[in-house]
C-alpha cells in the first residue's frame, strides 16, 4: 500500500472523483471535508452545490443521475439523521448514491451532542439498506473511495464511506473557545 501524508488524502480523493466522472458535488460545509470541497470548487468540470440540509443532497444527486451525471454527497455524521426518509429514494428507484461522511462522536470528540449520531451512523445507514465501509487512516481513504465509487456506480446502490475522526482530526473545545470572547 502506498504511504500517504495525513493531509494529502483530499487531493487523491479529488483525483479519483474526477477520473470517475463525478460532476456534481453536494455539500453541507464541513471542516473535515474543507480541502476536498475547495479542490472541487476550483475544478471547472465539477459543480459544487451547498445545501441547507443533508437530505437535499440525496434528491439533488437523484436528479443528477437522471440527467446523466454522477455525483457525491459530502457530509458529517451528524447529518446522517437528517437523511433517513430520503434514503428510501435510491433504494426504491435503484440509483447509485455515493456518500463520503466524516465522522464525529468517535475519536477524541469534545462535543457531547455529537456522540449519539456518531455512535449510530453505521447502524442507521445499514438499517436503511445502505452499504457502509469505513476508513480510519489517511492511507486507507483513497483506496476505500475508489472501491466505494465502483460499488455505488456499478451496482446502482447507495454506499457510504465513513471517514473516521482519526483521519479528519478531533476538534479541541479549548482551542475553539479561546478565540471567543465571553
N, C-alpha and C. Protein backbone atom coordinates (compact mmCIF):
# COMPACT_ATOMS: atom_id res chain seq x y z
N UNK A 1 0.85 -1.18 0.00
CA UNK A 1 0.00 0.00 0.00
C UNK A 1 0.89 1.24 0.00
N UNK A 2 0.49 2.23 -0.76
CA UNK A 2 1.24 3.47 -0.88
C UNK A 2 1.12 4.30 0.39
N UNK A 3 2.24 4.85 0.85
CA UNK A 3 2.24 5.74 2.03
C UNK A 3 1.67 7.09 1.60
N UNK A 4 0.78 7.62 2.41
CA UNK A 4 0.13 8.89 2.08
C UNK A 4 0.23 9.83 3.27
N UNK A 5 0.56 11.06 3.00
CA UNK A 5 0.62 12.06 4.06
C UNK A 5 -0.78 12.29 4.60
N UNK A 6 -0.88 12.60 5.88
CA UNK A 6 -2.18 12.83 6.52
C UNK A 6 -3.01 13.86 5.77
N UNK A 7 -2.38 14.89 5.24
CA UNK A 7 -3.13 15.97 4.60
C UNK A 7 -3.33 15.76 3.11
N UNK A 8 -2.77 14.70 2.52
CA UNK A 8 -2.83 14.50 1.08
C UNK A 8 -4.05 13.73 0.60
N UNK A 9 -4.78 13.08 1.50
CA UNK A 9 -5.89 12.26 1.04
C UNK A 9 -6.95 13.04 0.27
N UNK A 10 -7.27 14.31 0.62
CA UNK A 10 -8.27 15.03 -0.19
C UNK A 10 -7.84 15.21 -1.64
N UNK A 11 -6.55 15.41 -1.88
CA UNK A 11 -6.06 15.56 -3.25
C UNK A 11 -6.27 14.27 -4.04
N UNK A 12 -5.95 13.14 -3.42
CA UNK A 12 -6.14 11.86 -4.08
C UNK A 12 -7.62 11.56 -4.30
N UNK A 13 -8.44 11.89 -3.33
CA UNK A 13 -9.88 11.66 -3.47
C UNK A 13 -10.45 12.52 -4.60
N UNK A 14 -10.04 13.78 -4.67
CA UNK A 14 -10.49 14.64 -5.76
C UNK A 14 -10.12 14.03 -7.10
N UNK A 15 -8.89 13.55 -7.24
CA UNK A 15 -8.45 12.93 -8.49
C UNK A 15 -9.29 11.70 -8.83
N UNK A 16 -9.61 10.90 -7.83
CA UNK A 16 -10.44 9.72 -8.05
C UNK A 16 -11.85 10.10 -8.50
N UNK A 17 -12.43 11.10 -7.85
CA UNK A 17 -13.77 11.57 -8.24
C UNK A 17 -13.76 12.08 -9.67
N UNK A 18 -12.76 12.85 -10.00
CA UNK A 18 -12.64 13.41 -11.35
C UNK A 18 -12.49 12.30 -12.38
N UNK A 19 -11.59 11.35 -12.11
CA UNK A 19 -11.37 10.23 -13.03
C UNK A 19 -12.63 9.38 -13.22
N UNK A 20 -13.46 9.30 -12.19
CA UNK A 20 -14.69 8.52 -12.26
C UNK A 20 -15.82 9.27 -12.96
N UNK A 21 -15.59 10.53 -13.30
CA UNK A 21 -16.61 11.31 -13.99
C UNK A 21 -17.62 11.97 -13.07
N UNK A 22 -17.29 12.13 -11.81
CA UNK A 22 -18.19 12.82 -10.88
C UNK A 22 -18.23 14.29 -11.26
N UNK A 23 -19.44 14.80 -11.51
CA UNK A 23 -19.59 16.19 -11.94
C UNK A 23 -20.36 17.03 -10.94
N UNK A 24 -21.14 16.40 -10.07
CA UNK A 24 -21.93 17.14 -9.08
C UNK A 24 -21.45 16.76 -7.68
N UNK A 25 -21.21 17.77 -6.87
CA UNK A 25 -20.72 17.56 -5.50
C UNK A 25 -21.67 18.31 -4.57
N UNK A 26 -22.45 17.56 -3.83
CA UNK A 26 -23.40 18.15 -2.88
C UNK A 26 -22.73 18.20 -1.52
N UNK A 27 -22.76 19.38 -0.87
CA UNK A 27 -22.06 19.53 0.41
C UNK A 27 -22.86 20.33 1.41
N UNK A 28 -22.73 19.93 2.65
CA UNK A 28 -23.03 20.80 3.77
C UNK A 28 -21.65 21.13 4.30
N UNK A 29 -21.23 22.39 4.28
CA UNK A 29 -19.86 22.72 4.67
C UNK A 29 -19.44 22.04 5.96
N UNK A 30 -18.21 21.50 5.93
CA UNK A 30 -17.71 20.65 7.00
C UNK A 30 -16.19 20.80 7.04
N UNK A 31 -15.65 21.03 8.21
CA UNK A 31 -14.20 21.18 8.36
C UNK A 31 -13.45 19.93 7.90
N UNK A 32 -14.00 18.75 8.13
CA UNK A 32 -13.34 17.51 7.74
C UNK A 32 -13.20 17.36 6.24
N UNK A 33 -14.11 17.96 5.48
CA UNK A 33 -14.07 17.91 4.02
C UNK A 33 -13.57 19.22 3.40
N UNK A 34 -13.11 20.17 4.21
CA UNK A 34 -12.80 21.52 3.72
C UNK A 34 -11.86 21.52 2.52
N UNK A 35 -10.76 20.80 2.61
CA UNK A 35 -9.80 20.81 1.49
C UNK A 35 -10.41 20.16 0.25
N UNK A 36 -11.11 19.06 0.41
CA UNK A 36 -11.74 18.40 -0.73
C UNK A 36 -12.78 19.31 -1.37
N UNK A 37 -13.56 19.99 -0.57
CA UNK A 37 -14.56 20.93 -1.11
C UNK A 37 -13.88 22.03 -1.91
N UNK A 38 -12.80 22.58 -1.38
CA UNK A 38 -12.07 23.64 -2.11
C UNK A 38 -11.53 23.13 -3.44
N UNK A 39 -10.99 21.92 -3.46
CA UNK A 39 -10.48 21.34 -4.70
C UNK A 39 -11.60 21.16 -5.72
N UNK A 40 -12.74 20.71 -5.27
CA UNK A 40 -13.88 20.53 -6.17
C UNK A 40 -14.41 21.87 -6.68
N UNK A 41 -14.41 22.87 -5.82
CA UNK A 41 -14.86 24.21 -6.24
C UNK A 41 -13.95 24.80 -7.31
N UNK A 42 -12.66 24.52 -7.24
CA UNK A 42 -11.70 25.03 -8.23
C UNK A 42 -11.75 24.27 -9.54
N UNK A 43 -12.32 23.07 -9.52
CA UNK A 43 -12.35 22.20 -10.69
C UNK A 43 -13.52 22.61 -11.58
N UNK A 44 -13.22 23.07 -12.77
CA UNK A 44 -14.25 23.57 -13.69
C UNK A 44 -15.15 22.45 -14.23
N UNK A 45 -14.74 21.19 -14.06
CA UNK A 45 -15.58 20.09 -14.53
C UNK A 45 -16.58 19.64 -13.47
N UNK A 46 -16.48 20.22 -12.27
CA UNK A 46 -17.38 19.84 -11.18
C UNK A 46 -18.23 21.03 -10.76
N UNK A 47 -19.45 20.71 -10.35
CA UNK A 47 -20.35 21.74 -9.82
C UNK A 47 -20.59 21.42 -8.35
N UNK A 48 -20.18 22.32 -7.48
CA UNK A 48 -20.39 22.15 -6.04
C UNK A 48 -21.66 22.89 -5.67
N UNK A 49 -22.57 22.17 -5.01
CA UNK A 49 -23.84 22.75 -4.58
C UNK A 49 -23.86 22.71 -3.06
N UNK A 50 -23.92 23.89 -2.45
CA UNK A 50 -24.01 23.99 -0.99
C UNK A 50 -25.47 23.81 -0.58
N UNK A 51 -25.67 22.90 0.33
CA UNK A 51 -27.01 22.54 0.78
C UNK A 51 -27.34 23.23 2.09
N UNK A 52 -28.62 23.37 2.37
CA UNK A 52 -29.01 23.88 3.68
C UNK A 52 -29.16 22.72 4.66
N UNK A 53 -29.43 21.54 4.15
CA UNK A 53 -29.54 20.34 4.98
C UNK A 53 -29.21 19.12 4.12
N UNK A 54 -28.69 18.09 4.74
CA UNK A 54 -28.09 16.96 4.03
C UNK A 54 -29.06 16.20 3.14
N UNK A 55 -30.32 16.07 3.54
CA UNK A 55 -31.24 15.28 2.73
C UNK A 55 -31.47 15.89 1.36
N UNK A 56 -31.26 17.19 1.22
CA UNK A 56 -31.36 17.83 -0.10
C UNK A 56 -30.36 17.20 -1.07
N UNK A 57 -29.23 16.77 -0.55
CA UNK A 57 -28.20 16.16 -1.39
C UNK A 57 -28.66 14.87 -2.04
N UNK A 58 -29.45 14.08 -1.32
CA UNK A 58 -29.97 12.83 -1.88
C UNK A 58 -30.85 13.15 -3.09
N UNK A 59 -31.75 14.10 -2.95
CA UNK A 59 -32.63 14.48 -4.06
C UNK A 59 -31.83 15.11 -5.21
N UNK A 60 -30.90 15.98 -4.88
CA UNK A 60 -30.07 16.61 -5.91
C UNK A 60 -29.34 15.57 -6.74
N UNK A 61 -28.75 14.57 -6.06
CA UNK A 61 -27.98 13.56 -6.78
C UNK A 61 -28.87 12.58 -7.54
N UNK A 62 -30.12 12.41 -7.09
CA UNK A 62 -31.08 11.63 -7.88
C UNK A 62 -31.33 12.34 -9.21
N UNK A 63 -31.53 13.65 -9.14
CA UNK A 63 -31.72 14.43 -10.36
C UNK A 63 -30.49 14.43 -11.25
N UNK A 64 -29.32 14.51 -10.65
CA UNK A 64 -28.08 14.47 -11.43
C UNK A 64 -27.99 13.15 -12.19
N UNK A 65 -28.27 12.05 -11.49
CA UNK A 65 -28.20 10.73 -12.12
C UNK A 65 -29.21 10.62 -13.26
N UNK A 66 -30.43 11.09 -13.03
CA UNK A 66 -31.45 11.06 -14.09
C UNK A 66 -31.04 11.92 -15.28
N UNK A 67 -30.25 12.97 -15.00
CA UNK A 67 -29.74 13.83 -16.06
C UNK A 67 -28.44 13.35 -16.68
N UNK A 68 -27.98 12.18 -16.27
CA UNK A 68 -26.79 11.59 -16.89
C UNK A 68 -25.48 11.94 -16.22
N UNK A 69 -25.52 12.47 -15.01
CA UNK A 69 -24.28 12.84 -14.32
C UNK A 69 -24.13 12.09 -13.01
N UNK A 70 -22.86 11.80 -12.69
CA UNK A 70 -22.52 11.19 -11.41
C UNK A 70 -22.30 12.28 -10.38
N UNK A 71 -22.60 11.95 -9.13
CA UNK A 71 -22.39 12.91 -8.05
C UNK A 71 -21.95 12.23 -6.77
N UNK A 72 -21.59 13.05 -5.81
CA UNK A 72 -21.18 12.58 -4.49
C UNK A 72 -21.75 13.54 -3.45
N UNK A 73 -22.12 12.99 -2.31
CA UNK A 73 -22.62 13.78 -1.18
C UNK A 73 -21.55 13.77 -0.10
N UNK A 74 -21.04 14.96 0.24
CA UNK A 74 -20.05 15.11 1.30
C UNK A 74 -20.76 15.68 2.52
N UNK A 75 -20.65 14.97 3.64
CA UNK A 75 -21.31 15.45 4.85
C UNK A 75 -20.63 14.89 6.09
N UNK A 76 -21.09 15.36 7.22
CA UNK A 76 -20.63 14.93 8.52
C UNK A 76 -21.62 13.91 9.08
N UNK A 77 -21.16 13.06 9.97
CA UNK A 77 -22.05 12.02 10.52
C UNK A 77 -23.28 12.60 11.19
N UNK A 78 -23.19 13.77 11.75
CA UNK A 78 -24.35 14.36 12.40
C UNK A 78 -25.48 14.65 11.41
N UNK A 79 -25.17 14.74 10.14
CA UNK A 79 -26.19 14.98 9.12
C UNK A 79 -26.90 13.73 8.64
N UNK A 80 -26.37 12.56 8.99
CA UNK A 80 -27.00 11.32 8.53
C UNK A 80 -28.44 11.21 9.03
N UNK A 81 -28.67 11.63 10.26
CA UNK A 81 -30.03 11.57 10.80
C UNK A 81 -31.03 12.38 9.99
N UNK A 82 -30.55 13.44 9.34
CA UNK A 82 -31.43 14.26 8.51
C UNK A 82 -31.84 13.55 7.22
N UNK A 83 -31.12 12.51 6.85
CA UNK A 83 -31.33 11.86 5.55
C UNK A 83 -32.20 10.62 5.59
N UNK A 84 -32.61 10.19 6.75
CA UNK A 84 -33.26 8.88 6.89
C UNK A 84 -34.40 8.67 5.89
N UNK A 85 -35.38 9.53 5.84
CA UNK A 85 -36.51 9.33 4.92
C UNK A 85 -36.07 9.39 3.46
N UNK A 86 -35.15 10.27 3.14
CA UNK A 86 -34.71 10.41 1.74
C UNK A 86 -33.91 9.21 1.26
N UNK A 87 -33.33 8.44 2.17
CA UNK A 87 -32.54 7.28 1.75
C UNK A 87 -33.41 6.19 1.14
N UNK A 88 -34.72 6.29 1.28
CA UNK A 88 -35.60 5.35 0.60
C UNK A 88 -35.59 5.58 -0.91
N UNK A 89 -35.28 6.80 -1.35
CA UNK A 89 -35.30 7.14 -2.77
C UNK A 89 -34.30 6.31 -3.59
N UNK A 90 -33.01 6.29 -3.24
CA UNK A 90 -32.10 5.47 -4.05
C UNK A 90 -32.37 3.97 -3.94
N UNK A 91 -32.91 3.54 -2.81
CA UNK A 91 -33.25 2.12 -2.66
C UNK A 91 -34.42 1.78 -3.59
N UNK A 92 -35.51 2.53 -3.48
CA UNK A 92 -36.71 2.24 -4.27
C UNK A 92 -36.49 2.44 -5.76
N UNK A 93 -35.71 3.46 -6.12
CA UNK A 93 -35.52 3.79 -7.53
C UNK A 93 -34.27 3.15 -8.13
N UNK A 94 -33.51 2.46 -7.32
CA UNK A 94 -32.30 1.75 -7.76
C UNK A 94 -31.33 2.64 -8.53
N UNK A 95 -30.93 3.73 -7.87
CA UNK A 95 -29.89 4.56 -8.46
C UNK A 95 -28.72 4.66 -7.48
N UNK A 96 -27.53 4.90 -8.00
CA UNK A 96 -26.36 4.98 -7.13
C UNK A 96 -26.36 6.27 -6.31
N UNK A 97 -25.87 6.14 -5.10
CA UNK A 97 -25.68 7.31 -4.23
C UNK A 97 -24.39 7.07 -3.47
N UNK A 98 -23.40 7.91 -3.72
CA UNK A 98 -22.13 7.81 -3.01
C UNK A 98 -22.08 8.91 -1.96
N UNK A 99 -21.88 8.51 -0.71
CA UNK A 99 -21.77 9.46 0.40
C UNK A 99 -20.42 9.28 1.07
N UNK A 100 -19.67 10.37 1.18
CA UNK A 100 -18.41 10.39 1.93
C UNK A 100 -18.70 11.16 3.21
N UNK A 101 -18.61 10.46 4.33
CA UNK A 101 -19.08 11.00 5.60
C UNK A 101 -17.93 11.09 6.60
N UNK A 102 -17.60 12.32 7.00
CA UNK A 102 -16.60 12.49 8.05
C UNK A 102 -17.29 12.26 9.39
N UNK A 103 -16.63 11.49 10.23
CA UNK A 103 -17.25 11.10 11.49
C UNK A 103 -17.02 12.13 12.58
N UNK A 104 -18.02 12.27 13.40
CA UNK A 104 -17.96 13.00 14.66
C UNK A 104 -18.42 12.02 15.74
N UNK A 105 -18.10 12.32 16.97
CA UNK A 105 -18.57 11.49 18.06
C UNK A 105 -17.77 10.24 18.30
N UNK A 106 -16.60 10.12 17.66
CA UNK A 106 -15.78 8.98 18.00
C UNK A 106 -14.44 9.44 18.56
N UNK A 107 -13.37 9.30 17.89
CA UNK A 107 -12.03 9.54 18.41
C UNK A 107 -11.83 10.97 18.94
N UNK A 108 -11.74 11.11 20.25
CA UNK A 108 -11.41 12.39 20.87
C UNK A 108 -12.47 13.47 20.80
N UNK A 109 -13.71 13.11 20.61
CA UNK A 109 -14.78 14.10 20.48
C UNK A 109 -14.95 14.91 21.77
N UNK A 110 -15.14 16.22 21.62
CA UNK A 110 -15.36 17.09 22.78
C UNK A 110 -16.82 17.45 22.97
N UNK A 111 -17.62 17.34 21.93
CA UNK A 111 -18.99 17.82 21.95
C UNK A 111 -19.95 16.66 22.25
N UNK A 112 -20.57 16.64 23.43
CA UNK A 112 -21.45 15.53 23.77
C UNK A 112 -22.64 15.37 22.82
N UNK A 113 -23.04 16.42 22.15
CA UNK A 113 -24.17 16.34 21.22
C UNK A 113 -23.82 15.52 19.97
N UNK A 114 -22.54 15.35 19.69
CA UNK A 114 -22.12 14.58 18.52
C UNK A 114 -22.06 13.08 18.78
N UNK A 115 -22.04 12.68 20.04
CA UNK A 115 -21.85 11.28 20.40
C UNK A 115 -23.00 10.37 19.91
N UNK A 116 -24.27 10.70 20.17
CA UNK A 116 -25.34 9.77 19.76
C UNK A 116 -25.34 9.43 18.27
N UNK A 117 -25.32 10.43 17.41
CA UNK A 117 -25.36 10.14 15.97
C UNK A 117 -24.04 9.53 15.51
N UNK A 118 -22.93 9.97 16.09
CA UNK A 118 -21.65 9.36 15.75
C UNK A 118 -21.64 7.87 16.03
N UNK A 119 -22.21 7.48 17.16
CA UNK A 119 -22.27 6.06 17.50
C UNK A 119 -23.30 5.30 16.67
N UNK A 120 -24.34 5.97 16.21
CA UNK A 120 -25.42 5.30 15.50
C UNK A 120 -25.29 5.33 13.98
N UNK A 121 -24.38 6.12 13.44
CA UNK A 121 -24.32 6.34 12.00
C UNK A 121 -24.29 5.05 11.19
N UNK A 122 -23.37 4.18 11.47
CA UNK A 122 -23.25 2.96 10.67
C UNK A 122 -24.52 2.11 10.78
N UNK A 123 -25.02 1.90 11.98
CA UNK A 123 -26.21 1.07 12.17
C UNK A 123 -27.43 1.67 11.48
N UNK A 124 -27.59 2.99 11.56
CA UNK A 124 -28.73 3.66 10.93
C UNK A 124 -28.66 3.51 9.41
N UNK A 125 -27.49 3.75 8.84
CA UNK A 125 -27.34 3.61 7.39
C UNK A 125 -27.61 2.18 6.95
N UNK A 126 -27.04 1.22 7.67
CA UNK A 126 -27.26 -0.18 7.31
C UNK A 126 -28.73 -0.57 7.45
N UNK A 127 -29.40 -0.05 8.46
CA UNK A 127 -30.83 -0.35 8.63
C UNK A 127 -31.65 0.17 7.46
N UNK A 128 -31.17 1.24 6.82
CA UNK A 128 -31.87 1.80 5.66
C UNK A 128 -31.49 1.11 4.36
N UNK A 129 -30.56 0.15 4.41
CA UNK A 129 -30.16 -0.57 3.20
C UNK A 129 -28.94 -0.02 2.51
N UNK A 130 -28.24 0.88 3.16
CA UNK A 130 -27.03 1.48 2.59
C UNK A 130 -25.85 0.54 2.87
N UNK A 131 -25.00 0.34 1.89
CA UNK A 131 -23.75 -0.40 2.08
C UNK A 131 -22.78 0.55 2.76
N UNK A 132 -22.18 0.13 3.86
CA UNK A 132 -21.30 1.01 4.64
C UNK A 132 -19.89 0.43 4.71
N UNK A 133 -18.91 1.26 4.41
CA UNK A 133 -17.49 0.93 4.55
C UNK A 133 -16.87 1.99 5.44
N UNK A 134 -15.66 1.73 5.93
CA UNK A 134 -15.04 2.67 6.86
C UNK A 134 -13.54 2.76 6.60
N UNK A 135 -13.00 3.98 6.73
CA UNK A 135 -11.57 4.23 6.65
C UNK A 135 -11.15 4.96 7.91
N UNK A 136 -10.19 4.40 8.63
CA UNK A 136 -9.74 5.01 9.88
C UNK A 136 -8.31 5.52 9.82
N UNK A 137 -7.71 5.51 8.63
CA UNK A 137 -6.39 6.11 8.46
C UNK A 137 -6.38 6.84 7.12
N UNK A 138 -5.57 7.88 7.04
CA UNK A 138 -5.47 8.65 5.80
C UNK A 138 -5.03 7.77 4.65
N UNK A 139 -4.16 6.80 4.94
CA UNK A 139 -3.67 5.91 3.90
C UNK A 139 -4.79 5.06 3.29
N UNK A 140 -5.81 4.76 4.08
CA UNK A 140 -6.92 3.93 3.59
C UNK A 140 -7.96 4.70 2.79
N UNK A 141 -8.03 6.01 2.96
CA UNK A 141 -9.13 6.77 2.35
C UNK A 141 -9.15 6.66 0.83
N UNK A 142 -8.06 6.92 0.11
CA UNK A 142 -8.16 6.84 -1.36
C UNK A 142 -8.59 5.47 -1.87
N UNK A 143 -8.02 4.42 -1.32
CA UNK A 143 -8.39 3.07 -1.76
C UNK A 143 -9.87 2.79 -1.47
N UNK A 144 -10.33 3.22 -0.31
CA UNK A 144 -11.73 3.00 0.05
C UNK A 144 -12.67 3.84 -0.83
N UNK A 145 -12.27 5.06 -1.16
CA UNK A 145 -13.08 5.88 -2.07
C UNK A 145 -13.16 5.21 -3.43
N UNK A 146 -12.04 4.71 -3.91
CA UNK A 146 -12.02 4.03 -5.21
C UNK A 146 -12.97 2.84 -5.21
N UNK A 147 -12.93 2.04 -4.16
CA UNK A 147 -13.79 0.85 -4.12
C UNK A 147 -15.26 1.23 -3.92
N UNK A 148 -15.55 2.27 -3.13
CA UNK A 148 -16.95 2.65 -2.94
C UNK A 148 -17.53 3.34 -4.18
N UNK A 149 -16.69 4.05 -4.92
CA UNK A 149 -17.14 4.60 -6.21
C UNK A 149 -17.61 3.48 -7.12
N UNK A 150 -16.78 2.46 -7.27
CA UNK A 150 -17.13 1.34 -8.14
C UNK A 150 -18.38 0.63 -7.62
N UNK A 151 -18.42 0.41 -6.31
CA UNK A 151 -19.55 -0.30 -5.72
C UNK A 151 -20.87 0.45 -5.97
N UNK A 152 -20.88 1.74 -5.72
CA UNK A 152 -22.11 2.53 -5.91
C UNK A 152 -22.53 2.58 -7.38
N UNK A 153 -21.60 2.94 -8.26
CA UNK A 153 -21.98 3.20 -9.64
C UNK A 153 -22.08 1.94 -10.49
N UNK A 154 -21.47 0.84 -10.07
CA UNK A 154 -21.62 -0.41 -10.81
C UNK A 154 -22.83 -1.22 -10.36
N UNK A 155 -23.27 -1.02 -9.13
CA UNK A 155 -24.38 -1.83 -8.61
C UNK A 155 -25.67 -1.03 -8.42
N UNK A 156 -25.62 0.29 -8.69
CA UNK A 156 -26.80 1.15 -8.54
C UNK A 156 -27.37 1.08 -7.12
N UNK A 157 -26.48 1.23 -6.15
CA UNK A 157 -26.85 1.13 -4.75
C UNK A 157 -26.33 2.34 -3.99
N UNK A 158 -26.96 2.68 -2.87
CA UNK A 158 -26.39 3.71 -2.00
C UNK A 158 -25.24 3.11 -1.19
N UNK A 159 -24.13 3.83 -1.18
CA UNK A 159 -22.92 3.38 -0.49
C UNK A 159 -22.37 4.56 0.30
N UNK A 160 -22.00 4.30 1.54
CA UNK A 160 -21.41 5.34 2.39
C UNK A 160 -20.03 4.91 2.83
N UNK A 161 -19.08 5.83 2.73
CA UNK A 161 -17.75 5.63 3.30
C UNK A 161 -17.65 6.52 4.52
N UNK A 162 -17.49 5.91 5.68
CA UNK A 162 -17.30 6.65 6.92
C UNK A 162 -15.81 6.91 7.08
N UNK A 163 -15.45 8.19 7.16
CA UNK A 163 -14.05 8.59 7.33
C UNK A 163 -13.87 8.92 8.79
N UNK A 164 -13.16 8.05 9.51
CA UNK A 164 -13.03 8.16 10.95
C UNK A 164 -12.42 9.47 11.41
N UNK A 165 -12.74 9.82 12.62
CA UNK A 165 -12.28 11.09 13.20
C UNK A 165 -10.77 11.13 13.38
N UNK A 166 -10.12 9.98 13.39
CA UNK A 166 -8.65 9.96 13.43
C UNK A 166 -8.06 10.53 12.14
N UNK A 167 -8.80 10.43 11.05
CA UNK A 167 -8.34 10.96 9.76
C UNK A 167 -8.52 12.46 9.70
N UNK A 168 -9.72 12.93 10.03
CA UNK A 168 -10.01 14.36 9.92
C UNK A 168 -9.56 15.15 11.14
N UNK A 169 -9.32 14.45 12.24
CA UNK A 169 -8.84 15.11 13.45
C UNK A 169 -9.96 15.51 14.38
N UNK A 170 -9.73 15.29 15.65
CA UNK A 170 -10.71 15.67 16.67
C UNK A 170 -10.56 17.16 16.96
N UNK A 171 -11.68 17.82 17.08
CA UNK A 171 -11.66 19.24 17.44
C UNK A 171 -11.38 19.36 18.92
N UNK A 172 -10.76 20.47 19.30
CA UNK A 172 -10.41 20.71 20.69
C UNK A 172 -11.26 21.88 21.20
N UNK A 173 -12.14 21.61 22.15
CA UNK A 173 -13.03 22.63 22.68
C UNK A 173 -12.25 23.83 23.23
N UNK A 174 -11.14 23.57 23.90
CA UNK A 174 -10.36 24.68 24.48
C UNK A 174 -9.86 25.62 23.38
N UNK A 175 -9.41 25.09 22.26
CA UNK A 175 -8.94 25.94 21.16
C UNK A 175 -10.10 26.71 20.54
N UNK A 176 -11.26 26.07 20.45
CA UNK A 176 -12.42 26.74 19.86
C UNK A 176 -12.89 27.89 20.73
N UNK A 177 -12.80 27.76 22.05
CA UNK A 177 -13.32 28.79 22.94
C UNK A 177 -12.31 29.87 23.27
N UNK A 178 -11.03 29.63 23.00
CA UNK A 178 -10.03 30.64 23.32
C UNK A 178 -10.20 31.92 22.50
N UNK A 179 -10.71 31.79 21.29
CA UNK A 179 -10.87 32.96 20.44
C UNK A 179 -12.24 33.62 20.61
N UNK A 180 -13.10 33.02 21.40
CA UNK A 180 -14.44 33.57 21.59
C UNK A 180 -14.49 34.38 22.87
N UNK A 181 -14.75 35.69 22.77
CA UNK A 181 -14.85 36.49 23.99
C UNK A 181 -16.08 36.08 24.80
N UNK A 182 -15.93 36.00 26.08
CA UNK A 182 -17.07 35.61 26.95
C UNK A 182 -17.67 36.80 27.63
